[in-house]
Amino acid sequence: MRMLMVIILTVMLSLAGFTPASATGGAIPDYAKWGIIAVKETQTKYNVDILDYKHIGRTSLTADQSREQFKLWVRAKDGKQFAVYVNVDFNPSTQQLRKVQFSESDRH
């Protein structure tokens, strides 16, 4: 399952214009680690398929807490599609995960 998640995230990042560092000489985006967590936690919480992935941005909340925000477009097992906004809070110095928060929307 973990390998499937890595493959899915890699495909989504490449569709968003990111390619592996070896192909472009660039680096993996700073938010990639937190994007994987957002996708995995969303799948666990909602038991959904991820259809689309968007990194919204990073916000510095305090000196020792930052937030990466993501929008995931998902499909439930009953076919219903909706957006899940995911906030991943972490310590930027230690890279320690603090919390993951979710909110839902039916808007694309």
PDB file of N, CA and C in Angstrom:
ATOM      1  N   MET A   1       0.824  -1.189   0.000  1.00  0.00           N
ATOM      2  CA  MET A   1       0.000   0.000   0.000  1.00  0.00           C
ATOM      3  C   MET A   1       0.870   1.256   0.000  1.00  0.00           C
ATOM      4  N   ARG A   2       1.961   1.238   0.781  1.00  0.00           N
ATOM      5  CA  ARG A   2       2.838   2.401   0.850  1.00  0.00           C
ATOM      6  C   ARG A   2       3.434   2.685  -0.523  1.00  0.00           C
ATOM      7  N   MET A   3       3.842   1.643  -1.228  1.00  0.00           N
ATOM      8  CA  MET A   3       4.426   1.831  -2.556  1.00  0.00           C
ATOM      9  C   MET A   3       3.396   2.421  -3.510  1.00  0.00           C
ATOM     10  N   LEU A   4       2.151   1.979  -3.407  1.00  0.00           N
ATOM     11  CA  LEU A   4       1.084   2.519  -4.245  1.00  0.00           C
ATOM     12  C   LEU A   4       0.913   4.011  -3.989  1.00  0.00           C
ATOM     13  N   MET A   5       0.967   4.416  -2.717  1.00  0.00           N
ATOM     14  CA  MET A   5       0.838   5.826  -2.375  1.00  0.00           C
ATOM     15  C   MET A   5       1.980   6.644  -2.973  1.00  0.00           C
ATOM     16  N   VAL A   6       3.182   6.118  -2.905  1.00  0.00           N
ATOM     17  CA  VAL A   6       4.332   6.832  -3.465  1.00  0.00           C
ATOM     18  C   VAL A   6       4.169   6.982  -4.970  1.00  0.00           C
ATOM     19  N   ILE A   7       3.705   5.930  -5.631  1.00  0.00           N
ATOM     20  CA  ILE A   7       3.496   5.981  -7.076  1.00  0.00           C
ATOM     21  C   ILE A   7       2.416   6.999  -7.421  1.00  0.00           C
ATOM     22  N   ILE A   8       1.304   6.977  -6.687  1.00  0.00           N
ATOM     23  CA  ILE A   8       0.211   7.912  -6.950  1.00  0.00           C
ATOM     24  C   ILE A   8       0.674   9.349  -6.761  1.00  0.00           C
ATOM     25  N   LEU A   9       1.373   9.612  -5.659  1.00  0.00           N
ATOM     26  CA  LEU A   9       1.840  10.971  -5.409  1.00  0.00           C
ATOM     27  C   LEU A   9       2.855  11.405  -6.460  1.00  0.00           C
ATOM     28  N   THR A  10       3.727  10.504  -6.870  1.00  0.00           N
ATOM     29  CA  THR A  10       4.707  10.822  -7.909  1.00  0.00           C
ATOM     30  C   THR A  10       4.013  11.190  -9.216  1.00  0.00           C
ATOM     31  N   VAL A  11       2.987  10.429  -9.573  1.00  0.00           N
ATOM     32  CA  VAL A  11       2.238  10.718 -10.795  1.00  0.00           C
ATOM     33  C   VAL A  11       1.535  12.064 -10.680  1.00  0.00           C
ATOM     34  N   MET A  12       0.911  12.328  -9.524  1.00  0.00           N
ATOM     35  CA  MET A  12       0.216  13.599  -9.350  1.00  0.00           C
ATOM     36  C   MET A  12       1.182  14.776  -9.404  1.00  0.00           C
ATOM     37  N   LEU A  13       2.335  14.628  -8.772  1.00  0.00           N
ATOM     38  CA  LEU A  13       3.326  15.704  -8.809  1.00  0.00           C
ATOM     39  C   LEU A  13       3.853  15.917 -10.219  1.00  0.00           C
ATOM     40  N   SER A  14       4.044  14.829 -10.963  1.00  0.00           N
ATOM     41  CA  SER A  14       4.547  14.989 -12.329  1.00  0.00           C
ATOM     42  C   SER A  14       3.501  15.633 -13.228  1.00  0.00           C
ATOM     43  N   LEU A  15       2.225  15.325 -13.000  1.00  0.00           N
ATOM     44  CA  LEU A  15       1.161  15.975 -13.772  1.00  0.00           C
ATOM     45  C   LEU A  15       1.075  17.455 -13.438  1.00  0.00           C
ATOM     46  N   ALA A  16       1.482  17.801 -12.222  1.00  0.00           N
ATOM     47  CA  ALA A  16       1.463  19.205 -11.802  1.00  0.00           C
ATOM     48  C   ALA A  16       2.714  19.948 -12.275  1.00  0.00           C
ATOM     49  N   GLY A  17       3.564  19.260 -13.025  1.00  0.00           N
ATOM     50  CA  GLY A  17       4.744  19.922 -13.573  1.00  0.00           C
ATOM     51  C   GLY A  17       6.032  19.615 -12.855  1.00  0.00           C
ATOM     52  N   PHE A  18       5.995  18.772 -11.841  1.00  0.00           N
ATOM     53  CA  PHE A  18       7.206  18.397 -11.134  1.00  0.00           C
ATOM     54  C   PHE A  18       7.722  17.083 -11.688  1.00  0.00           C
ATOM     55  N   THR A  19       9.011  17.002 -11.877  1.00  0.00           N
ATOM     56  CA  THR A  19       9.627  15.777 -12.355  1.00  0.00           C
ATOM     57  C   THR A  19      10.710  15.364 -11.378  1.00  0.00           C
ATOM     58  N   PRO A  20      11.133  14.120 -11.417  1.00  0.00           N
ATOM     59  CA  PRO A  20      12.177  13.678 -10.501  1.00  0.00           C
ATOM     60  C   PRO A  20      13.434  14.522 -10.639  1.00  0.00           C
ATOM     61  N   ALA A  21      14.129  14.684  -9.526  1.00  0.00           N
ATOM     62  CA  ALA A  21      15.328  15.516  -9.505  1.00  0.00           C
ATOM     63  C   ALA A  21      16.371  15.043 -10.516  1.00  0.00           C
ATOM     64  N   SER A  22      16.462  13.754 -10.727  1.00  0.00           N
ATOM     65  CA  SER A  22      17.469  13.237 -11.660  1.00  0.00           C
ATOM     66  C   SER A  22      17.181  13.641 -13.099  1.00  0.00           C
ATOM     67  N   ALA A  23      15.929  13.874 -13.409  1.00  0.00           N
ATOM     68  CA  ALA A  23      15.573  14.234 -14.782  1.00  0.00           C
ATOM     69  C   ALA A  23      15.758  15.723 -15.052  1.00  0.00           C
ATOM     70  N   THR A  24      15.615  16.544 -14.028  1.00  0.00           N
ATOM     71  CA  THR A  24      15.651  17.986 -14.239  1.00  0.00           C
ATOM     72  C   THR A  24      16.816  18.673 -13.556  1.00  0.00           C
ATOM     73  N   GLY A  25      17.499  17.972 -12.669  1.00  0.00           N
ATOM     74  CA  GLY A  25      18.562  18.598 -11.908  1.00  0.00           C
ATOM     75  C   GLY A  25      18.020  19.391 -10.740  1.00  0.00           C
ATOM     76  N   GLY A  26      16.701  19.450 -10.574  1.00  0.00           N
ATOM     77  CA  GLY A  26      16.077  20.185  -9.478  1.00  0.00           C
ATOM     78  C   GLY A  26      15.908  19.291  -8.268  1.00  0.00           C
ATOM     79  N   ALA A  27      15.330  19.850  -7.240  1.00  0.00           N
ATOM     80  CA  ALA A  27      15.109  19.118  -6.003  1.00  0.00           C
ATOM     81  C   ALA A  27      13.641  18.764  -5.833  1.00  0.00           C
ATOM     82  N   ILE A  28      13.382  17.808  -4.986  1.00  0.00           N
ATOM     83  CA  ILE A  28      12.009  17.456  -4.631  1.00  0.00           C
ATOM     84  C   ILE A  28      11.441  18.621  -3.818  1.00  0.00           C
ATOM     85  N   PRO A  29      10.206  19.035  -4.077  1.00  0.00           N
ATOM     86  CA  PRO A  29       9.631  20.168  -3.351  1.00  0.00           C
ATOM     87  C   PRO A  29       9.633  19.931  -1.836  1.00  0.00           C
ATOM     88  N   ASP A  30       9.812  21.006  -1.081  1.00  0.00           N
ATOM     89  CA  ASP A  30       9.833  20.912   0.384  1.00  0.00           C
ATOM     90  C   ASP A  30       8.551  20.311   0.938  1.00  0.00           C
ATOM     91  N   TYR A  31       7.443  20.529   0.254  1.00  0.00           N
ATOM     92  CA  TYR A  31       6.159  20.079   0.775  1.00  0.00           C
ATOM     93  C   TYR A  31       5.825  18.628   0.435  1.00  0.00           C
ATOM     94  N   ALA A  32       6.664  17.945  -0.340  1.00  0.00           N
ATOM     95  CA  ALA A  32       6.353  16.583  -0.789  1.00  0.00           C
ATOM     96  C   ALA A  32       6.083  15.637   0.376  1.00  0.00           C
ATOM     97  N   LYS A  33       6.923  15.705   1.405  1.00  0.00           N
ATOM     98  CA  LYS A  33       6.744  14.847   2.588  1.00  0.00           C
ATOM     99  C   LYS A  33       5.365  15.059   3.208  1.00  0.00           C
ATOM    100  N   TRP A  34       4.963  16.322   3.314  1.00  0.00           N
ATOM    101  CA  TRP A  34       3.686  16.641   3.940  1.00  0.00           C
ATOM    102  C   TRP A  34       2.526  16.309   3.011  1.00  0.00           C
ATOM    103  N   GLY A  35       2.742  16.363   1.706  1.00  0.00           N
ATOM    104  CA  GLY A  35       1.720  15.958   0.742  1.00  0.00           C
ATOM    105  C   GLY A  35       1.412  14.478   0.836  1.00  0.00           C
ATOM    106  N   ILE A  36       2.448  13.675   1.020  1.00  0.00           N
ATOM    107  CA  ILE A  36       2.243  12.227   1.186  1.00  0.00           C
ATOM    108  C   ILE A  36       1.411  11.966   2.435  1.00  0.00           C
ATOM    109  N   ILE A  37       1.732  12.669   3.512  1.00  0.00           N
ATOM    110  CA  ILE A  37       0.962  12.511   4.756  1.00  0.00           C
ATOM    111  C   ILE A  37      -0.483  12.942   4.537  1.00  0.00           C
ATOM    112  N   ALA A  38      -0.696  14.071   3.843  1.00  0.00           N
ATOM    113  CA  ALA A  38      -2.059  14.539   3.580  1.00  0.00           C
ATOM    114  C   ALA A  38      -2.864  13.507   2.802  1.00  0.00           C
ATOM    115  N   VAL A  39      -2.258  12.928   1.774  1.00  0.00           N
ATOM    116  CA  VAL A  39      -2.947  11.919   0.960  1.00  0.00           C
ATOM    117  C   VAL A  39      -3.258  10.677   1.793  1.00  0.00           C
ATOM    118  N   LYS A  40      -2.282  10.156   2.516  1.00  0.00           N
ATOM    119  CA  LYS A  40      -2.486   8.940   3.309  1.00  0.00           C
ATOM    120  C   LYS A  40      -3.542   9.142   4.394  1.00  0.00           C
ATOM    121  N   GLU A  41      -3.460  10.260   5.095  1.00  0.00           N
ATOM    122  CA  GLU A  41      -4.423  10.521   6.173  1.00  0.00           C
ATOM    123  C   GLU A  41      -5.833  10.713   5.623  1.00  0.00           C
ATOM    124  N   THR A  42      -5.953  11.348   4.466  1.00  0.00           N
ATOM    125  CA  THR A  42      -7.269  11.529   3.843  1.00  0.00           C
ATOM    126  C   THR A  42      -7.852  10.183   3.438  1.00  0.00           C
ATOM    127  N   GLN A  43      -7.038   9.331   2.832  1.00  0.00           N
ATOM    128  CA  GLN A  43      -7.528   8.006   2.451  1.00  0.00           C
ATOM    129  C   GLN A  43      -7.946   7.198   3.668  1.00  0.00           C
ATOM    130  N   THR A  44      -7.194   7.307   4.735  1.00  0.00           N
ATOM    131  CA  THR A  44      -7.524   6.573   5.961  1.00  0.00           C
ATOM    132  C   THR A  44      -8.828   7.088   6.577  1.00  0.00           C
ATOM    133  N   LYS A  45      -8.948   8.405   6.687  1.00  0.00           N
ATOM    134  CA  LYS A  45     -10.128   9.003   7.334  1.00  0.00           C
ATOM    135  C   LYS A  45     -11.408   8.804   6.521  1.00  0.00           C
ATOM    136  N   TYR A  46     -11.331   8.982   5.200  1.00  0.00           N
ATOM    137  CA  TYR A  46     -12.531   8.992   4.367  1.00  0.00           C
ATOM    138  C   TYR A  46     -12.748   7.720   3.539  1.00  0.00           C
ATOM    139  N   ASN A  47     -11.728   6.858   3.439  1.00  0.00           N
ATOM    140  CA  ASN A  47     -11.817   5.651   2.609  1.00  0.00           C
ATOM    141  C   ASN A  47     -12.253   6.010   1.185  1.00  0.00           C
ATOM    142  N   VAL A  48     -11.466   6.876   0.540  1.00  0.00           N
ATOM    143  CA  VAL A  48     -11.785   7.421  -0.780  1.00  0.00           C
ATOM    144  C   VAL A  48     -10.635   7.193  -1.750  1.00  0.00           C
ATOM    145  N   ASP A  49     -10.932   7.405  -3.035  1.00  0.00           N
ATOM    146  CA  ASP A  49      -9.911   7.439  -4.071  1.00  0.00           C
ATOM    147  C   ASP A  49      -9.531   8.896  -4.305  1.00  0.00           C
ATOM    148  N   ILE A  50      -8.248   9.160  -4.437  1.00  0.00           N
ATOM    149  CA  ILE A  50      -7.768  10.511  -4.703  1.00  0.00           C
ATOM    150  C   ILE A  50      -7.793  10.735  -6.205  1.00  0.00           C
ATOM    151  N   LEU A  51      -8.513  11.762  -6.653  1.00  0.00           N
ATOM    152  CA  LEU A  51      -8.620  12.070  -8.075  1.00  0.00           C
ATOM    153  C   LEU A  51      -7.684  13.197  -8.490  1.00  0.00           C
ATOM    154  N   ASP A  52      -7.455  14.149  -7.595  1.00  0.00           N
ATOM    155  CA  ASP A  52      -6.613  15.290  -7.919  1.00  0.00           C
ATOM    156  C   ASP A  52      -5.967  15.800  -6.643  1.00  0.00           C
ATOM    157  N   TYR A  53      -4.830  16.477  -6.809  1.00  0.00           N
ATOM    158  CA  TYR A  53      -4.018  16.925  -5.686  1.00  0.00           C
ATOM    159  C   TYR A  53      -3.485  18.306  -6.005  1.00  0.00           C
ATOM    160  N   LYS A  54      -3.619  19.230  -5.045  1.00  0.00           N
ATOM    161  CA  LYS A  54      -3.077  20.573  -5.253  1.00  0.00           C
ATOM    162  C   LYS A  54      -2.431  21.060  -3.967  1.00  0.00           C
ATOM    163  N   HIS A  55      -1.200  21.541  -4.092  1.00  0.00           N
ATOM    164  CA  HIS A  55      -0.533  22.181  -2.957  1.00  0.00           C
ATOM    165  C   HIS A  55      -0.959  23.641  -2.961  1.00  0.00           C
ATOM    166  N   ILE A  56      -1.572  24.099  -1.880  1.00  0.00           N
ATOM    167  CA  ILE A  56      -2.033  25.481  -1.791  1.00  0.00           C
ATOM    168  C   ILE A  56      -0.905  26.392  -1.329  1.00  0.00           C
ATOM    169  N   GLY A  57      -0.161  25.955  -0.321  1.00  0.00           N
ATOM    170  CA  GLY A  57       0.947  26.776   0.141  1.00  0.00           C
ATOM    171  C   GLY A  57       1.329  26.500   1.575  1.00  0.00           C
ATOM    172  N   ARG A  58       2.401  27.166   1.995  1.00  0.00           N
ATOM    173  CA  ARG A  58       2.900  27.046   3.357  1.00  0.00           C
ATOM    174  C   ARG A  58       2.692  28.368   4.092  1.00  0.00           C
ATOM    175  N   THR A  59       2.287  28.246   5.359  1.00  0.00           N
ATOM    176  CA  THR A  59       2.117  29.396   6.232  1.00  0.00           C
ATOM    177  C   THR A  59       2.944  29.171   7.488  1.00  0.00           C
ATOM    178  N   SER A  60       3.657  30.193   7.899  1.00  0.00           N
ATOM    179  CA  SER A  60       4.389  30.132   9.165  1.00  0.00           C
ATOM    180  C   SER A  60       3.459  30.638  10.257  1.00  0.00           C
ATOM    181  N   LEU A  61       3.098  29.756  11.194  1.00  0.00           N
ATOM    182  CA  LEU A  61       2.153  30.107  12.251  1.00  0.00           C
ATOM    183  C   LEU A  61       2.872  30.744  13.443  1.00  0.00           C
ATOM    184  N   THR A  62       3.969  30.132  13.843  1.00  0.00           N
ATOM    185  CA  THR A  62       4.829  30.649  14.908  1.00  0.00           C
ATOM    186  C   THR A  62       6.258  30.290  14.534  1.00  0.00           C
ATOM    187  N   ALA A  63       7.199  30.627  15.416  1.00  0.00           N
ATOM    188  CA  ALA A  63       8.607  30.310  15.141  1.00  0.00           C
ATOM    189  C   ALA A  63       8.839  28.806  15.058  1.00  0.00           C
ATOM    190  N   ASP A  64       8.013  28.036  15.777  1.00  0.00           N
ATOM    191  CA  ASP A  64       8.213  26.584  15.773  1.00  0.00           C
ATOM    192  C   ASP A  64       7.024  25.802  15.213  1.00  0.00           C
ATOM    193  N   GLN A  65       6.175  26.479  14.434  1.00  0.00           N
ATOM    194  CA  GLN A  65       5.053  25.764  13.809  1.00  0.00           C
ATOM    195  C   GLN A  65       4.715  26.366  12.455  1.00  0.00           C
ATOM    196  N   SER A  66       4.693  25.495  11.444  1.00  0.00           N
ATOM    197  CA  SER A  66       4.290  25.877  10.092  1.00  0.00           C
ATOM    198  C   SER A  66       3.146  24.992   9.647  1.00  0.00           C
ATOM    199  N   ARG A  67       2.454  25.440   8.598  1.00  0.00           N
ATOM    200  CA  ARG A  67       1.306  24.692   8.074  1.00  0.00           C
ATOM    201  C   ARG A  67       1.421  24.596   6.560  1.00  0.00           C
ATOM    202  N   GLU A  68       1.354  23.364   6.053  1.00  0.00           N
ATOM    203  CA  GLU A  68       1.219  23.124   4.618  1.00  0.00           C
ATOM    204  C   GLU A  68      -0.250  22.857   4.358  1.00  0.00           C
ATOM    205  N   GLN A  69      -0.797  23.483   3.304  1.00  0.00           N
ATOM    206  CA  GLN A  69      -2.209  23.311   2.975  1.00  0.00           C
ATOM    207  C   GLN A  69      -2.339  22.635   1.609  1.00  0.00           C
ATOM    208  N   PHE A  70      -3.260  21.691   1.545  1.00  0.00           N
ATOM    209  CA  PHE A  70      -3.497  20.928   0.325  1.00  0.00           C
ATOM    210  C   PHE A  70      -4.991  20.845   0.059  1.00  0.00           C
ATOM    211  N   LYS A  71      -5.322  20.734  -1.221  1.00  0.00           N
ATOM    212  CA  LYS A  71      -6.699  20.461  -1.635  1.00  0.00           C
ATOM    213  C   LYS A  71      -6.670  19.147  -2.399  1.00  0.00           C
ATOM    214  N   LEU A  72      -7.460  18.189  -1.932  1.00  0.00           N
ATOM    215  CA  LEU A  72      -7.565  16.888  -2.593  1.00  0.00           C
ATOM    216  C   LEU A  72      -8.983  16.729  -3.116  1.00  0.00           C
ATOM    217  N   TRP A  73      -9.111  16.387  -4.382  1.00  0.00           N
ATOM    218  CA  TRP A  73     -10.423  16.075  -4.952  1.00  0.00           C
ATOM    219  C   TRP A  73     -10.552  14.565  -4.875  1.00  0.00           C
ATOM    220  N   VAL A  74     -11.616  14.073  -4.229  1.00  0.00           N
ATOM    221  CA  VAL A  74     -11.739  12.655  -3.929  1.00  0.00           C
ATOM    222  C   VAL A  74     -13.064  12.091  -4.419  1.00  0.00           C
ATOM    223  N   ARG A  75     -13.098  10.760  -4.528  1.00  0.00           N
ATOM    224  CA  ARG A  75     -14.343  10.066  -4.880  1.00  0.00           C
ATOM    225  C   ARG A  75     -14.593   8.994  -3.834  1.00  0.00           C
ATOM    226  N   ALA A  76     -15.772   9.068  -3.208  1.00  0.00           N
ATOM    227  CA  ALA A  76     -16.173   8.073  -2.215  1.00  0.00           C
ATOM    228  C   ALA A  76     -16.596   6.789  -2.923  1.00  0.00           C
ATOM    229  N   LYS A  77     -16.725   5.737  -2.160  1.00  0.00           N
ATOM    230  CA  LYS A  77     -17.109   4.433  -2.719  1.00  0.00           C
ATOM    231  C   LYS A  77     -18.491   4.465  -3.358  1.00  0.00           C
ATOM    232  N   ASP A  78     -19.359   5.387  -2.912  1.00  0.00           N
ATOM    233  CA  ASP A  78     -20.694   5.507  -3.508  1.00  0.00           C
ATOM    234  C   ASP A  78     -20.701   6.383  -4.768  1.00  0.00           C
ATOM    235  N   GLY A  79     -19.519   6.869  -5.176  1.00  0.00           N
ATOM    236  CA  GLY A  79     -19.398   7.663  -6.388  1.00  0.00           C
ATOM    237  C   GLY A  79     -19.419   9.165  -6.170  1.00  0.00           C
ATOM    238  N   LYS A  80     -19.785   9.602  -4.967  1.00  0.00           N
ATOM    239  CA  LYS A  80     -19.832  11.035  -4.665  1.00  0.00           C
ATOM    240  C   LYS A  80     -18.422  11.632  -4.706  1.00  0.00           C
ATOM    241  N   GLN A  81     -18.298  12.780  -5.373  1.00  0.00           N
ATOM    242  CA  GLN A  81     -17.014  13.477  -5.445  1.00  0.00           C
ATOM    243  C   GLN A  81     -17.086  14.760  -4.623  1.00  0.00           C
ATOM    244  N   PHE A  82     -15.997  15.059  -3.942  1.00  0.00           N
ATOM    245  CA  PHE A  82     -15.933  16.278  -3.128  1.00  0.00           C
ATOM    246  C   PHE A  82     -14.476  16.625  -2.848  1.00  0.00           C
ATOM    247  N   ALA A  83     -14.271  17.844  -2.389  1.00  0.00           N
ATOM    248  CA  ALA A  83     -12.928  18.320  -2.056  1.00  0.00           C
ATOM    249  C   ALA A  83     -12.684  18.130  -0.562  1.00  0.00           C
ATOM    250  N   VAL A  84     -11.460  17.772  -0.237  1.00  0.00           N
ATOM    251  CA  VAL A  84     -11.021  17.736   1.153  1.00  0.00           C
ATOM    252  C   VAL A  84      -9.815  18.663   1.253  1.00  0.00           C
ATOM    253  N   TYR A  85      -9.953  19.682   2.084  1.00  0.00           N
ATOM    254  CA  TYR A  85      -8.833  20.579   2.368  1.00  0.00           C
ATOM    255  C   TYR A  85      -8.105  20.028   3.580  1.00  0.00           C
ATOM    256  N   VAL A  86      -6.799  19.894   3.454  1.00  0.00           N
ATOM    257  CA  VAL A  86      -6.005  19.285   4.514  1.00  0.00           C
ATOM    258  C   VAL A  86      -4.944  20.272   4.976  1.00  0.00           C
ATOM    259  N   ASN A  87      -4.916  20.526   6.282  1.00  0.00           N
ATOM    260  CA  ASN A  87      -3.868  21.320   6.907  1.00  0.00           C
ATOM    261  C   ASN A  87      -2.937  20.370   7.643  1.00  0.00           C
ATOM    262  N   VAL A  88      -1.658  20.441   7.327  1.00  0.00           N
ATOM    263  CA  VAL A  88      -0.653  19.621   7.998  1.00  0.00           C
ATOM    264  C   VAL A  88       0.254  20.572   8.774  1.00  0.00           C
ATOM    265  N   ASP A  89       0.151  20.523  10.103  1.00  0.00           N
ATOM    266  CA  ASP A  89       0.959  21.383  10.964  1.00  0.00           C
ATOM    267  C   ASP A  89       2.187  20.612  11.443  1.00  0.00           C
ATOM    268  N   PHE A  90       3.343  21.284  11.442  1.00  0.00           N
ATOM    269  CA  PHE A  90       4.596  20.624  11.802  1.00  0.00           C
ATOM    270  C   PHE A  90       5.594  21.647  12.318  1.00  0.00           C
ATOM    271  N   ASN A  91       6.622  21.131  12.970  1.00  0.00           N
ATOM    272  CA  ASN A  91       7.717  21.969  13.428  1.00  0.00           C
ATOM    273  C   ASN A  91       8.740  22.037  12.299  1.00  0.00           C
ATOM    274  N   PRO A  92       8.995  23.221  11.738  1.00  0.00           N
ATOM    275  CA  PRO A  92       9.912  23.312  10.597  1.00  0.00           C
ATOM    276  C   PRO A  92      11.377  23.024  10.945  1.00  0.00           C
ATOM    277  N   SER A  93      11.743  23.186  12.213  1.00  0.00           N
ATOM    278  CA  SER A  93      13.125  22.915  12.618  1.00  0.00           C
ATOM    279  C   SER A  93      13.389  21.426  12.776  1.00  0.00           C
ATOM    280  N   THR A  94      12.440  20.733  13.421  1.00  0.00           N
ATOM    281  CA  THR A  94      12.625  19.305  13.696  1.00  0.00           C
ATOM    282  C   THR A  94      11.936  18.409  12.666  1.00  0.00           C
ATOM    283  N   GLN A  95      11.073  19.001  11.824  1.00  0.00           N
ATOM    284  CA  GLN A  95      10.262  18.255  10.859  1.00  0.00           C
ATOM    285  C   GLN A  95       9.306  17.282  11.535  1.00  0.00           C
ATOM    286  N   GLN A  96       8.949  17.556  12.778  1.00  0.00           N
ATOM    287  CA  GLN A  96       8.029  16.707  13.527  1.00  0.00           C
ATOM    288  C   GLN A  96       6.585  17.113  13.223  1.00  0.00           C
ATOM    289  N   LEU A  97       5.767  16.117  12.876  1.00  0.00           N
ATOM    290  CA  LEU A  97       4.347  16.336  12.607  1.00  0.00           C
ATOM    291  C   LEU A  97       3.642  16.733  13.893  1.00  0.00           C
ATOM    292  N   ARG A  98       2.826  17.773  13.823  1.00  0.00           N
ATOM    293  CA  ARG A  98       2.055  18.221  14.985  1.00  0.00           C
ATOM    294  C   ARG A  98       0.614  17.729  14.906  1.00  0.00           C
ATOM    295  N   LYS A  99      -0.069  18.063  13.787  1.00  0.00           N
ATOM    296  CA  LYS A  99      -1.461  17.625  13.632  1.00  0.00           C
ATOM    297  C   LYS A  99      -1.882  17.734  12.177  1.00  0.00           C
ATOM    298  N   VAL A 100      -2.956  17.005  11.877  1.00  0.00           N
ATOM    299  CA  VAL A 100      -3.558  17.026  10.546  1.00  0.00           C
ATOM    300  C   VAL A 100      -5.035  17.352  10.734  1.00  0.00           C
ATOM    301  N   GLN A 101      -5.511  18.379  10.003  1.00  0.00           N
ATOM    302  CA  GLN A 101      -6.911  18.795  10.091  1.00  0.00           C
ATOM    303  C   GLN A 101      -7.554  18.705   8.710  1.00  0.00           C
ATOM    304  N   PHE A 102      -8.846  18.402   8.704  1.00  0.00           N
ATOM    305  CA  PHE A 102      -9.589  18.229   7.462  1.00  0.00           C
ATOM    306  C   PHE A 102     -10.821  19.124   7.443  1.00  0.00           C
ATOM    307  N   SER A 103     -11.175  19.603   6.249  1.00  0.00           N
ATOM    308  CA  SER A 103     -12.483  20.229   6.044  1.00  0.00           C
ATOM    309  C   SER A 103     -12.934  19.834   4.642  1.00  0.00           C
ATOM    310  N   GLU A 104     -14.238  19.699   4.484  1.00  0.00           N
ATOM    311  CA  GLU A 104     -14.818  19.204   3.233  1.00  0.00           C
ATOM    312  C   GLU A 104     -15.564  20.314   2.503  1.00  0.00           C
ATOM    313  N   SER A 105     -15.632  20.175   1.179  1.00  0.00           N
ATOM    314  CA  SER A 105     -16.390  21.096   0.347  1.00  0.00           C
ATOM    315  C   SER A 105     -16.888  20.333  -0.867  1.00  0.00           C
ATOM    316  N   ASP A 106     -18.065  20.709  -1.367  1.00  0.00           N
ATOM    317  CA  ASP A 106     -18.556  20.067  -2.589  1.00  0.00           C
ATOM    318  C   ASP A 106     -18.176  20.872  -3.831  1.00  0.00           C
ATOM    319  N   ARG A 107     -17.397  21.928  -3.656  1.00  0.00           N
ATOM    320  CA  ARG A 107     -16.949  22.758  -4.776  1.00  0.00           C
ATOM    321  C   ARG A 107     -15.633  22.251  -5.309  1.00  0.00           C
ATOM    322  N   HIS A 108     -15.491  22.276  -6.619  1.00  0.00           N
ATOM    323  CA  HIS A 108     -14.243  21.823  -7.249  1.00  0.00           C
ATOM    324  C   HIS A 108     -13.278  22.923  -7.283  1.00  0.00           C
TER     325      HIS A 108
END
